[in-house]
Amino acid sequence: MTKLEFLDKMKNEKIDLAEYIIVVDSLTDEQFVIGCYKDNNMWKIYKTTERSGHYIIDEVVDENTAFDELYELVKLQEKYIKNRYR
C-alpha cells in the first residue's frame, strides 16, 4: 500500500498502540516509535524503545512494500498490547 493508503487505514481502524506512536517521513530516536522513512532511495522501517534509540527492522526499495511491512508491524504491536493488558 502507499503511504497515503497506510495513513488512511490508521485513521479508519483507530488502532490503539498504547504508548507507541507512528512516524512516517522521518527518523527519530524519541521513545516508543514505529516508523518508516525514505533515505537514499531506500525505505527504512524502524522501531524505538524506551532507552536504546532506533533500530532498523528492514530496508526496501518499494514504497508499497515498505508500508505493507509497516502495517504488519503495527498490527503485531497492537496484538501484543491487547494481550499484555488482558
Protein backbone atom coordinates (compact mmCIF):
# COMPACT_ATOMS: atom_id res chain seq x y z
CA MET A 1 0.00 0.00 0.00
CA THR A 2 1.12 3.57 -0.47
CA LYS A 3 1.90 5.94 2.37
CA LEU A 4 -1.45 7.70 1.92
CA GLU A 5 -3.33 4.39 1.98
CA PHE A 6 -1.44 3.45 5.15
CA LEU A 7 -2.33 6.73 6.85
CA ASP A 8 -5.99 6.32 5.85
CA LYS A 9 -6.01 2.80 7.32
CA MET A 10 -4.52 4.04 10.58
CA LYS A 11 -7.17 6.74 10.82
CA ASN A 12 -10.09 4.47 9.92
CA GLU A 13 -9.07 1.48 12.05
CA LYS A 14 -8.38 3.53 15.20
CA ILE A 15 -5.53 1.25 16.20
CA ASP A 16 -4.53 1.53 19.87
CA LEU A 17 -0.78 1.24 20.32
CA ALA A 18 -0.73 2.44 23.95
CA GLU A 19 2.46 4.46 24.38
CA TYR A 20 3.71 3.89 20.81
CA ILE A 21 3.29 6.49 18.08
CA ILE A 22 3.64 6.13 14.32
CA VAL A 23 6.07 8.38 12.45
CA VAL A 24 6.36 8.45 8.67
CA ASP A 25 8.78 10.53 6.59
CA SER A 26 11.44 10.95 9.27
CA LEU A 27 13.78 9.13 11.59
CA THR A 28 13.58 9.86 15.30
CA ASP A 29 15.07 8.48 18.46
CA GLU A 30 12.06 9.52 20.54
CA GLN A 31 10.79 6.80 22.82
CA PHE A 32 8.25 4.24 21.63
CA VAL A 33 8.05 4.97 17.89
CA ILE A 34 7.21 2.68 15.00
CA GLY A 35 8.17 4.39 11.78
CA CYS A 36 9.18 4.48 8.17
CA TYR A 37 11.22 6.97 6.17
CA LYS A 38 12.99 7.22 2.84
CA ASP A 39 16.77 7.62 2.74
CA ASN A 40 18.84 7.44 -0.46
CA ASN A 41 16.03 5.75 -2.43
CA MET A 42 15.56 3.11 0.30
CA TRP A 43 12.53 2.91 2.57
CA LYS A 44 13.60 2.04 6.11
CA ILE A 45 11.19 0.57 8.64
CA TYR A 46 12.29 1.11 12.22
CA LYS A 47 11.28 0.98 15.85
CA THR A 48 12.49 2.67 19.02
CA THR A 49 12.26 1.59 22.62
CA GLU A 50 12.39 3.39 25.92
CA ARG A 51 16.18 3.64 26.11
CA SER A 52 18.06 2.30 23.11
CA GLY A 53 17.28 4.77 20.31
CA HIS A 54 16.17 3.35 16.97
CA TYR A 55 16.91 0.14 15.16
CA ILE A 56 16.20 -0.65 11.52
CA ILE A 57 13.90 -3.63 11.00
CA ASP A 58 14.03 -3.71 7.22
CA GLU A 59 15.13 -1.72 4.17
CA VAL A 60 13.21 -1.96 0.90
CA VAL A 61 13.19 -0.13 -2.41
CA ASP A 62 9.44 -0.06 -3.00
CA GLU A 63 7.04 2.27 -1.10
CA ASN A 64 4.21 -0.28 -1.27
CA THR A 65 6.34 -2.99 0.31
CA ALA A 66 7.58 -0.60 2.99
CA PHE A 67 4.11 0.43 4.10
CA ASP A 68 2.77 -3.12 3.88
CA GLU A 69 5.55 -4.16 6.28
CA LEU A 70 4.95 -1.15 8.50
CA TYR A 71 1.26 -2.05 8.70
CA GLU A 72 2.12 -5.63 9.68
CA LEU A 73 4.46 -4.33 12.38
CA VAL A 74 1.76 -2.01 13.72
CA LYS A 75 -0.78 -4.84 13.82
CA LEU A 76 1.70 -7.09 15.67
CA GLN A 77 2.35 -4.34 18.21
CA GLU A 78 -1.39 -3.82 18.64
CA LYS A 79 -1.88 -7.55 19.26
CA TYR A 80 0.96 -7.59 21.78
CA ILE A 81 -0.54 -4.63 23.66
CA LYS A 82 -4.00 -6.19 23.74
CA ASN A 83 -2.57 -9.41 25.17
CA ARG A 84 -0.46 -7.53 27.70
CA TYR A 85 -3.43 -5.64 29.15
CA ARG A 86 -5.83 -8.59 29.41
